């Protein structure tokens, strides 16, 4: 999973992001999930706060941020829904 903050007045483009990731990253380094945060939280020593993000995982019922899933069949990042989450958890999507 990658956690990003968009520039002000920018929208997430699932198709463009997929093309960029597919072109510049190898298969095993492509993020399967992208989480959009309004602000990236830092620790007191200016490191990214990752433990909380890892504990929250990718369940859309828990996460209030926008979350996208890499759909290789559609060649884009699609918004994560509870149905997509259930399909991943039930192994209908291969990660």
N, C-alpha and C. Protein backbone atom coordinates (compact mmCIF):
# COMPACT_ATOMS: atom_id res chain seq x y z
N UNK A 1 0.84 -1.18 0.00
CA UNK A 1 0.00 0.00 0.00
C UNK A 1 0.88 1.24 0.00
N UNK A 2 0.44 2.23 -0.72
CA UNK A 2 1.09 3.54 -0.70
C UNK A 2 0.10 4.54 -0.11
N UNK A 3 0.61 5.42 0.71
CA UNK A 3 -0.21 6.47 1.29
C UNK A 3 0.32 7.80 0.75
N UNK A 4 -0.55 8.55 0.10
CA UNK A 4 -0.11 9.80 -0.52
C UNK A 4 -1.02 10.96 -0.13
N UNK A 5 -0.49 12.15 -0.32
CA UNK A 5 -1.26 13.38 -0.15
C UNK A 5 -1.23 14.09 -1.49
N UNK A 6 -2.40 14.43 -2.01
CA UNK A 6 -2.47 15.12 -3.29
C UNK A 6 -2.19 16.61 -3.13
N UNK A 7 -1.67 17.20 -4.18
CA UNK A 7 -1.48 18.65 -4.17
C UNK A 7 -2.85 19.31 -4.09
N UNK A 8 -2.86 20.52 -3.61
CA UNK A 8 -4.12 21.26 -3.47
C UNK A 8 -4.80 21.41 -4.84
N UNK A 9 -6.09 21.21 -4.87
CA UNK A 9 -6.93 21.31 -6.08
C UNK A 9 -6.62 20.25 -7.12
N UNK A 10 -6.02 19.13 -6.73
CA UNK A 10 -5.75 18.03 -7.65
C UNK A 10 -6.68 16.87 -7.33
N UNK A 11 -7.05 16.13 -8.35
CA UNK A 11 -7.90 14.96 -8.20
C UNK A 11 -7.09 13.72 -8.52
N UNK A 12 -7.43 12.61 -7.89
CA UNK A 12 -6.77 11.34 -8.16
C UNK A 12 -7.28 10.79 -9.49
N UNK A 13 -6.35 10.38 -10.35
CA UNK A 13 -6.69 9.81 -11.66
C UNK A 13 -6.24 8.35 -11.65
N UNK A 14 -7.19 7.45 -11.51
CA UNK A 14 -6.88 6.03 -11.41
C UNK A 14 -6.25 5.45 -12.66
N UNK A 15 -6.67 5.92 -13.82
CA UNK A 15 -6.12 5.42 -15.08
C UNK A 15 -4.70 5.95 -15.30
N UNK A 16 -4.50 7.23 -15.08
CA UNK A 16 -3.18 7.84 -15.25
C UNK A 16 -2.16 7.29 -14.24
N UNK A 17 -2.61 7.09 -13.02
CA UNK A 17 -1.74 6.53 -11.99
C UNK A 17 -1.35 5.10 -12.35
N UNK A 18 -2.31 4.33 -12.86
CA UNK A 18 -2.00 2.96 -13.27
C UNK A 18 -0.94 2.97 -14.38
N UNK A 19 -1.11 3.82 -15.39
CA UNK A 19 -0.13 3.88 -16.49
C UNK A 19 1.25 4.24 -15.97
N UNK A 20 1.32 5.23 -15.07
CA UNK A 20 2.60 5.66 -14.51
C UNK A 20 3.26 4.53 -13.72
N UNK A 21 2.50 3.90 -12.85
CA UNK A 21 3.02 2.81 -12.02
C UNK A 21 3.45 1.64 -12.89
N UNK A 22 2.64 1.31 -13.88
CA UNK A 22 2.93 0.19 -14.77
C UNK A 22 4.18 0.44 -15.60
N UNK A 23 4.42 1.68 -15.99
CA UNK A 23 5.58 2.04 -16.80
C UNK A 23 6.88 2.08 -15.97
N UNK A 24 6.80 2.62 -14.76
CA UNK A 24 8.00 2.92 -13.99
C UNK A 24 8.35 1.93 -12.88
N UNK A 25 7.43 1.06 -12.51
CA UNK A 25 7.71 0.14 -11.42
C UNK A 25 7.59 -1.31 -11.89
N UNK A 26 8.43 -2.15 -11.31
CA UNK A 26 8.33 -3.57 -11.65
C UNK A 26 7.08 -4.16 -11.01
N UNK A 27 6.69 -5.32 -11.49
CA UNK A 27 5.44 -5.95 -11.06
C UNK A 27 5.34 -6.09 -9.55
N UNK A 28 6.41 -6.51 -8.90
CA UNK A 28 6.34 -6.77 -7.47
C UNK A 28 6.44 -5.51 -6.61
N UNK A 29 6.78 -4.36 -7.20
CA UNK A 29 6.87 -3.12 -6.43
C UNK A 29 5.66 -2.21 -6.61
N UNK A 30 4.74 -2.57 -7.46
CA UNK A 30 3.55 -1.74 -7.68
C UNK A 30 2.63 -1.81 -6.46
N UNK A 31 2.21 -0.66 -5.94
CA UNK A 31 1.30 -0.70 -4.80
C UNK A 31 -0.07 -1.24 -5.21
N UNK A 32 -0.56 -2.22 -4.49
CA UNK A 32 -1.88 -2.79 -4.77
C UNK A 32 -2.98 -1.89 -4.26
N UNK A 33 -2.66 -1.08 -3.25
CA UNK A 33 -3.62 -0.15 -2.68
C UNK A 33 -2.99 1.23 -2.58
N UNK A 34 -3.78 2.25 -2.85
CA UNK A 34 -3.33 3.64 -2.67
C UNK A 34 -4.34 4.32 -1.76
N UNK A 35 -3.83 4.89 -0.69
CA UNK A 35 -4.66 5.59 0.28
C UNK A 35 -4.39 7.08 0.15
N UNK A 36 -5.45 7.87 0.01
CA UNK A 36 -5.32 9.32 -0.13
C UNK A 36 -5.61 9.96 1.22
N UNK A 37 -4.61 10.63 1.78
CA UNK A 37 -4.76 11.32 3.06
C UNK A 37 -4.79 12.83 2.82
N UNK A 38 -5.54 13.54 3.66
CA UNK A 38 -5.56 14.99 3.55
C UNK A 38 -4.29 15.59 4.12
N UNK A 39 -3.66 14.89 5.07
CA UNK A 39 -2.39 15.32 5.66
C UNK A 39 -1.62 14.08 6.09
N UNK A 40 -0.34 14.07 5.80
CA UNK A 40 0.52 12.96 6.21
C UNK A 40 1.01 13.25 7.62
N UNK A 41 0.77 12.31 8.51
CA UNK A 41 1.13 12.50 9.92
C UNK A 41 2.58 12.09 10.16
N UNK A 42 3.27 12.88 10.97
CA UNK A 42 4.67 12.64 11.30
C UNK A 42 4.83 12.39 12.79
N UNK A 43 5.90 11.68 13.14
CA UNK A 43 6.23 11.49 14.55
C UNK A 43 6.98 12.72 15.05
N UNK A 44 7.33 12.72 16.33
CA UNK A 44 8.08 13.84 16.91
C UNK A 44 9.45 13.99 16.28
N UNK A 45 9.98 12.91 15.68
CA UNK A 45 11.30 12.97 15.03
C UNK A 45 11.16 13.08 13.51
N UNK A 46 10.00 13.52 13.03
CA UNK A 46 9.74 13.80 11.62
C UNK A 46 9.81 12.56 10.72
N UNK A 47 9.43 11.42 11.25
CA UNK A 47 9.30 10.21 10.44
C UNK A 47 7.83 9.99 10.18
N UNK A 48 7.54 9.30 9.08
CA UNK A 48 6.15 9.02 8.76
C UNK A 48 5.55 8.06 9.77
N UNK A 49 4.31 8.30 10.16
CA UNK A 49 3.62 7.46 11.13
C UNK A 49 2.98 6.30 10.38
N UNK A 50 3.70 5.15 10.35
CA UNK A 50 3.30 4.00 9.54
C UNK A 50 2.58 2.92 10.33
N UNK A 51 2.86 2.80 11.60
CA UNK A 51 2.30 1.69 12.40
C UNK A 51 0.77 1.75 12.41
N UNK A 52 0.23 2.93 12.62
CA UNK A 52 -1.23 3.07 12.64
C UNK A 52 -1.83 2.71 11.28
N UNK A 53 -1.16 3.12 10.20
CA UNK A 53 -1.65 2.80 8.86
C UNK A 53 -1.66 1.29 8.64
N UNK A 54 -0.61 0.62 9.08
CA UNK A 54 -0.53 -0.83 8.92
C UNK A 54 -1.61 -1.53 9.74
N UNK A 55 -1.87 -1.04 10.93
CA UNK A 55 -2.89 -1.66 11.78
C UNK A 55 -4.28 -1.49 11.19
N UNK A 56 -4.54 -0.36 10.55
CA UNK A 56 -5.86 -0.12 9.95
C UNK A 56 -6.07 -0.97 8.70
N UNK A 57 -4.99 -1.34 8.02
CA UNK A 57 -5.11 -2.20 6.85
C UNK A 57 -5.82 -1.51 5.69
N UNK A 58 -6.69 -2.27 5.00
CA UNK A 58 -7.39 -1.71 3.83
C UNK A 58 -8.89 -1.93 3.87
N UNK A 59 -9.43 -2.06 5.06
CA UNK A 59 -10.87 -2.26 5.22
C UNK A 59 -11.58 -0.91 5.10
N UNK A 60 -12.44 -0.72 4.09
CA UNK A 60 -13.12 0.57 3.92
C UNK A 60 -14.10 0.89 5.05
N UNK A 61 -14.50 -0.11 5.83
CA UNK A 61 -15.38 0.15 6.98
C UNK A 61 -14.60 0.81 8.11
N UNK A 62 -13.28 0.61 8.14
CA UNK A 62 -12.43 1.18 9.19
C UNK A 62 -11.82 2.50 8.74
N UNK A 63 -11.39 2.56 7.49
CA UNK A 63 -10.67 3.72 6.96
C UNK A 63 -11.66 4.76 6.44
N UNK A 64 -11.46 5.99 6.85
CA UNK A 64 -12.33 7.08 6.38
C UNK A 64 -11.73 7.82 5.20
N UNK A 65 -10.44 7.56 4.89
CA UNK A 65 -9.79 8.18 3.74
C UNK A 65 -10.22 7.48 2.46
N UNK A 66 -9.98 8.15 1.33
CA UNK A 66 -10.24 7.49 0.05
C UNK A 66 -9.19 6.41 -0.16
N UNK A 67 -9.61 5.27 -0.65
CA UNK A 67 -8.74 4.13 -0.84
C UNK A 67 -9.01 3.52 -2.21
N UNK A 68 -7.93 3.20 -2.93
CA UNK A 68 -8.06 2.66 -4.28
C UNK A 68 -7.33 1.33 -4.38
N UNK A 69 -7.85 0.45 -5.22
CA UNK A 69 -7.34 -0.90 -5.41
C UNK A 69 -6.84 -1.05 -6.84
N UNK A 70 -5.68 -1.68 -7.04
CA UNK A 70 -5.11 -1.91 -8.37
C UNK A 70 -5.87 -3.04 -9.06
N UNK A 71 -6.61 -2.69 -10.09
CA UNK A 71 -7.37 -3.68 -10.86
C UNK A 71 -6.63 -3.89 -12.18
N UNK A 72 -5.85 -4.98 -12.25
CA UNK A 72 -5.05 -5.26 -13.45
C UNK A 72 -5.91 -5.60 -14.66
N UNK A 73 -7.10 -6.13 -14.44
CA UNK A 73 -7.98 -6.46 -15.57
C UNK A 73 -8.53 -5.20 -16.24
N UNK A 74 -8.87 -4.21 -15.43
CA UNK A 74 -9.40 -2.95 -15.96
C UNK A 74 -8.31 -1.94 -16.28
N UNK A 75 -7.06 -2.23 -15.90
CA UNK A 75 -5.92 -1.34 -16.12
C UNK A 75 -6.10 0.04 -15.48
N UNK A 76 -6.56 0.03 -14.23
CA UNK A 76 -6.68 1.28 -13.49
C UNK A 76 -6.84 1.00 -12.00
N UNK A 77 -6.72 2.04 -11.21
CA UNK A 77 -7.00 1.95 -9.79
C UNK A 77 -8.47 2.30 -9.59
N UNK A 78 -9.21 1.40 -8.95
CA UNK A 78 -10.63 1.61 -8.71
C UNK A 78 -10.85 1.90 -7.23
N UNK A 79 -11.88 2.66 -6.93
CA UNK A 79 -12.17 2.99 -5.55
C UNK A 79 -12.55 1.72 -4.79
N UNK A 80 -11.97 1.59 -3.60
CA UNK A 80 -12.22 0.42 -2.77
C UNK A 80 -13.60 0.53 -2.14
N UNK A 81 -14.40 -0.50 -2.33
CA UNK A 81 -15.71 -0.59 -1.72
C UNK A 81 -15.73 -1.80 -0.80
N UNK A 82 -16.78 -1.93 -0.05
CA UNK A 82 -16.90 -3.10 0.82
C UNK A 82 -16.98 -4.38 -0.01
N UNK A 83 -17.62 -4.32 -1.19
CA UNK A 83 -17.70 -5.50 -2.06
C UNK A 83 -16.32 -5.92 -2.55
N UNK A 84 -15.49 -4.94 -2.97
CA UNK A 84 -14.14 -5.25 -3.42
C UNK A 84 -13.33 -5.81 -2.25
N UNK A 85 -13.47 -5.20 -1.08
CA UNK A 85 -12.77 -5.68 0.11
C UNK A 85 -13.14 -7.13 0.40
N UNK A 86 -14.44 -7.45 0.36
CA UNK A 86 -14.88 -8.82 0.62
C UNK A 86 -14.33 -9.79 -0.43
N UNK A 87 -14.26 -9.36 -1.68
CA UNK A 87 -13.70 -10.20 -2.74
C UNK A 87 -12.22 -10.49 -2.52
N UNK A 88 -11.48 -9.49 -2.07
CA UNK A 88 -10.06 -9.68 -1.77
C UNK A 88 -9.90 -10.62 -0.59
N UNK A 89 -10.67 -10.40 0.47
CA UNK A 89 -10.58 -11.24 1.66
C UNK A 89 -10.99 -12.69 1.37
N UNK A 90 -11.92 -12.87 0.43
CA UNK A 90 -12.39 -14.22 0.07
C UNK A 90 -11.58 -14.83 -1.07
N UNK A 91 -10.49 -14.17 -1.44
CA UNK A 91 -9.55 -14.67 -2.47
C UNK A 91 -10.15 -14.73 -3.87
N UNK A 92 -11.14 -13.87 -4.17
CA UNK A 92 -11.64 -13.80 -5.55
C UNK A 92 -10.73 -12.95 -6.41
N UNK A 93 -10.02 -12.01 -5.78
CA UNK A 93 -8.99 -11.22 -6.45
C UNK A 93 -7.64 -11.78 -6.04
N UNK A 94 -6.78 -12.02 -6.99
CA UNK A 94 -5.44 -12.50 -6.66
C UNK A 94 -4.52 -11.29 -6.53
N UNK A 95 -3.86 -11.18 -5.38
CA UNK A 95 -2.94 -10.07 -5.15
C UNK A 95 -1.54 -10.45 -5.51
